[in-house]
Amino acid sequence: MAPREMRAKVSGAYAHFTSPSRDQICDGPPALPESAQGDESVFNRNFPGEGEFPLVGFVQHLPPDAVLSIEAPVNRLRPSLTPMQRATRAVEGTRRIPAAAGC
């Protein structure tokens, strides 16, 4: 399946993660109550690999020259992890996704 077709199949909840030149990834639950969506989307997403989004399948359908960036604010972890620990966890999780996808 071509990337454009894959993007078309991604539900509306995930469609904003894609762009023609760069793809941002984060992770999270498959559904949230409407009352929790604002906080999750702005302040408390999950690092890639720490939720239930189909990121491996998504990455498998990106073009080989795609650039991935992490878009995962995780304010809830500020009290327990340093900025370096949060960055390390985000990068390590993100690196596992393309590896699992065979990229």
C-alpha atoms as a PDB file:
ATOM      1  CA  MET A   1       0.000   0.000   0.000  1.00  0.00           C
ATOM      2  CA  ALA A   2       1.344   3.438  -0.918  1.00  0.00           C
ATOM      3  CA  PRO A   3       1.876   6.050   1.825  1.00  0.00           C
ATOM      4  CA  ARG A   4      -0.977   8.171   0.481  1.00  0.00           C
ATOM      5  CA  GLU A   5      -3.321   5.167   0.681  1.00  0.00           C
ATOM      6  CA  MET A   6      -2.093   4.355   4.181  1.00  0.00           C
ATOM      7  CA  ARG A   7      -2.725   7.921   5.297  1.00  0.00           C
ATOM      8  CA  ALA A   8      -6.219   7.740   3.842  1.00  0.00           C
ATOM      9  CA  LYS A   9      -6.930   4.654   5.938  1.00  0.00           C
ATOM     10  CA  VAL A  10      -5.703   6.190   9.169  1.00  0.00           C
ATOM     11  CA  SER A  11      -8.658   7.343  11.222  1.00  0.00           C
ATOM     12  CA  GLY A  12      -9.308  11.009  11.833  1.00  0.00           C
ATOM     13  CA  ALA A  13      -7.772  10.724  15.291  1.00  0.00           C
ATOM     14  CA  TYR A  14      -4.379   9.917  13.798  1.00  0.00           C
ATOM     15  CA  ALA A  15      -4.468  11.839  10.519  1.00  0.00           C
ATOM     16  CA  HIS A  16      -2.904  14.997  11.981  1.00  0.00           C
ATOM     17  CA  PHE A  17       0.343  13.125  12.620  1.00  0.00           C
ATOM     18  CA  THR A  18       1.311  13.148   8.957  1.00  0.00           C
ATOM     19  CA  SER A  19       2.708  15.718   6.583  1.00  0.00           C
ATOM     20  CA  PRO A  20       4.282  15.426   3.123  1.00  0.00           C
ATOM     21  CA  SER A  21       7.842  16.027   4.324  1.00  0.00           C
ATOM     22  CA  ARG A  22       7.951  15.057   7.979  1.00  0.00           C
ATOM     23  CA  ASP A  23       5.984  12.674  10.140  1.00  0.00           C
ATOM     24  CA  GLN A  24       5.540  13.246  13.837  1.00  0.00           C
ATOM     25  CA  ILE A  25       4.825  10.318  16.069  1.00  0.00           C
ATOM     26  CA  CYS A  26       3.642   9.808  19.585  1.00  0.00           C
ATOM     27  CA  ASP A  27       1.626   7.072  21.207  1.00  0.00           C
ATOM     28  CA  GLY A  28      -1.476   6.772  23.284  1.00  0.00           C
ATOM     29  CA  PRO A  29      -4.680   4.903  23.941  1.00  0.00           C
ATOM     30  CA  PRO A  30      -6.981   4.011  21.058  1.00  0.00           C
ATOM     31  CA  ALA A  31      -9.747   6.158  22.540  1.00  0.00           C
ATOM     32  CA  LEU A  32     -10.239   8.686  25.321  1.00  0.00           C
ATOM     33  CA  PRO A  33     -13.301  10.306  26.788  1.00  0.00           C
ATOM     34  CA  GLU A  34     -13.857  13.692  25.197  1.00  0.00           C
ATOM     35  CA  SER A  35     -13.195  15.362  28.555  1.00  0.00           C
ATOM     36  CA  ALA A  36      -9.627  13.956  28.604  1.00  0.00           C
ATOM     37  CA  GLN A  37      -8.669  14.603  24.964  1.00  0.00           C
ATOM     38  CA  GLY A  38      -7.519  18.199  25.419  1.00  0.00           C
ATOM     39  CA  ASP A  39      -5.109  17.409  28.241  1.00  0.00           C
ATOM     40  CA  GLU A  40      -3.751  14.322  26.495  1.00  0.00           C
ATOM     41  CA  SER A  41      -3.226  16.006  23.155  1.00  0.00           C
ATOM     42  CA  VAL A  42      -1.493  19.088  24.541  1.00  0.00           C
ATOM     43  CA  PHE A  43       0.247  17.954  27.728  1.00  0.00           C
ATOM     44  CA  ASN A  44       0.297  14.196  28.231  1.00  0.00           C
ATOM     45  CA  ARG A  45       0.824  11.978  25.229  1.00  0.00           C
ATOM     46  CA  ASN A  46       2.830   8.769  25.437  1.00  0.00           C
ATOM     47  CA  PHE A  47       6.277   8.204  24.045  1.00  0.00           C
ATOM     48  CA  PRO A  48       6.371   6.043  20.911  1.00  0.00           C
ATOM     49  CA  GLY A  49       6.033   2.394  21.860  1.00  0.00           C
ATOM     50  CA  GLU A  50       4.313   3.131  25.167  1.00  0.00           C
ATOM     51  CA  GLY A  51       0.728   3.156  23.955  1.00  0.00           C
ATOM     52  CA  GLU A  52      -1.558   1.363  21.546  1.00  0.00           C
ATOM     53  CA  PHE A  53      -1.251   3.306  18.292  1.00  0.00           C
ATOM     54  CA  PRO A  54      -0.314   1.087  15.293  1.00  0.00           C
ATOM     55  CA  LEU A  55       3.026   2.848  14.836  1.00  0.00           C
ATOM     56  CA  VAL A  56       4.922  -0.102  13.332  1.00  0.00           C
ATOM     57  CA  GLY A  57       2.326  -0.442  10.567  1.00  0.00           C
ATOM     58  CA  PHE A  58       2.282   3.304  10.068  1.00  0.00           C
ATOM     59  CA  VAL A  59       6.072   3.508   9.705  1.00  0.00           C
ATOM     60  CA  GLN A  60       6.116   0.559   7.290  1.00  0.00           C
ATOM     61  CA  HIS A  61       4.089   2.674   4.870  1.00  0.00           C
ATOM     62  CA  LEU A  62       6.237   5.787   4.953  1.00  0.00           C
ATOM     63  CA  PRO A  63       8.600   6.578   2.094  1.00  0.00           C
ATOM     64  CA  PRO A  64      12.227   5.527   2.693  1.00  0.00           C
ATOM     65  CA  ASP A  65      13.342   9.145   3.019  1.00  0.00           C
ATOM     66  CA  ALA A  66      10.699  10.090   5.577  1.00  0.00           C
ATOM     67  CA  VAL A  67      11.861  12.084   8.577  1.00  0.00           C
ATOM     68  CA  LEU A  68      10.353  11.100  11.909  1.00  0.00           C
ATOM     69  CA  SER A  69      10.143  13.492  14.808  1.00  0.00           C
ATOM     70  CA  ILE A  70       8.791  12.926  18.285  1.00  0.00           C
ATOM     71  CA  GLU A  71       5.749  14.964  19.251  1.00  0.00           C
ATOM     72  CA  ALA A  72       5.095  13.713  22.751  1.00  0.00           C
ATOM     73  CA  PRO A  73       4.643  16.222  25.554  1.00  0.00           C
ATOM     74  CA  VAL A  74       4.607  14.248  28.794  1.00  0.00           C
ATOM     75  CA  ASN A  75       4.121  16.767  31.571  1.00  0.00           C
ATOM     76  CA  ARG A  76       2.992  14.054  33.972  1.00  0.00           C
ATOM     77  CA  LEU A  77       6.584  12.706  34.011  1.00  0.00           C
ATOM     78  CA  ARG A  78       8.252  16.002  34.969  1.00  0.00           C
ATOM     79  CA  PRO A  79       8.178  15.298  38.718  1.00  0.00           C
ATOM     80  CA  SER A  80       9.757  11.849  38.343  1.00  0.00           C
ATOM     81  CA  LEU A  81      12.160  12.128  35.365  1.00  0.00           C
ATOM     82  CA  THR A  82      14.793  14.681  34.445  1.00  0.00           C
ATOM     83  CA  PRO A  83      14.676  16.286  30.995  1.00  0.00           C
ATOM     84  CA  MET A  84      17.542  14.004  29.906  1.00  0.00           C
ATOM     85  CA  GLN A  85      15.712  10.903  31.153  1.00  0.00           C
ATOM     86  CA  ARG A  86      12.560  11.924  29.294  1.00  0.00           C
ATOM     87  CA  ALA A  87      14.519  12.617  26.102  1.00  0.00           C
ATOM     88  CA  THR A  88      16.356   9.305  26.369  1.00  0.00           C
ATOM     89  CA  ARG A  89      13.113   7.400  26.856  1.00  0.00           C
ATOM     90  CA  ALA A  90      11.498   9.194  23.899  1.00  0.00           C
ATOM     91  CA  VAL A  91      14.438   8.534  21.570  1.00  0.00           C
ATOM     92  CA  GLU A  92      14.834   4.897  22.594  1.00  0.00           C
ATOM     93  CA  GLY A  93      11.114   4.235  22.077  1.00  0.00           C
ATOM     94  CA  THR A  94      11.148   5.980  18.728  1.00  0.00           C
ATOM     95  CA  ARG A  95      14.169   4.011  17.504  1.00  0.00           C
ATOM     96  CA  ARG A  96      12.402   0.727  18.291  1.00  0.00           C
ATOM     97  CA  ILE A  97       9.488   1.542  15.959  1.00  0.00           C
ATOM     98  CA  PRO A  98      11.423   1.610  12.631  1.00  0.00           C
ATOM     99  CA  ALA A  99      13.515  -1.342  13.802  1.00  0.00           C
ATOM    100  CA  ALA A 100      10.326  -3.364  14.422  1.00  0.00           C
ATOM    101  CA  ALA A 101       9.023  -2.194  11.044  1.00  0.00           C
ATOM    102  CA  GLY A 102      12.141  -3.516   9.284  1.00  0.00           C
ATOM    103  CA  CYS A 103      13.307  -0.055   8.215  1.00  0.00           C
END
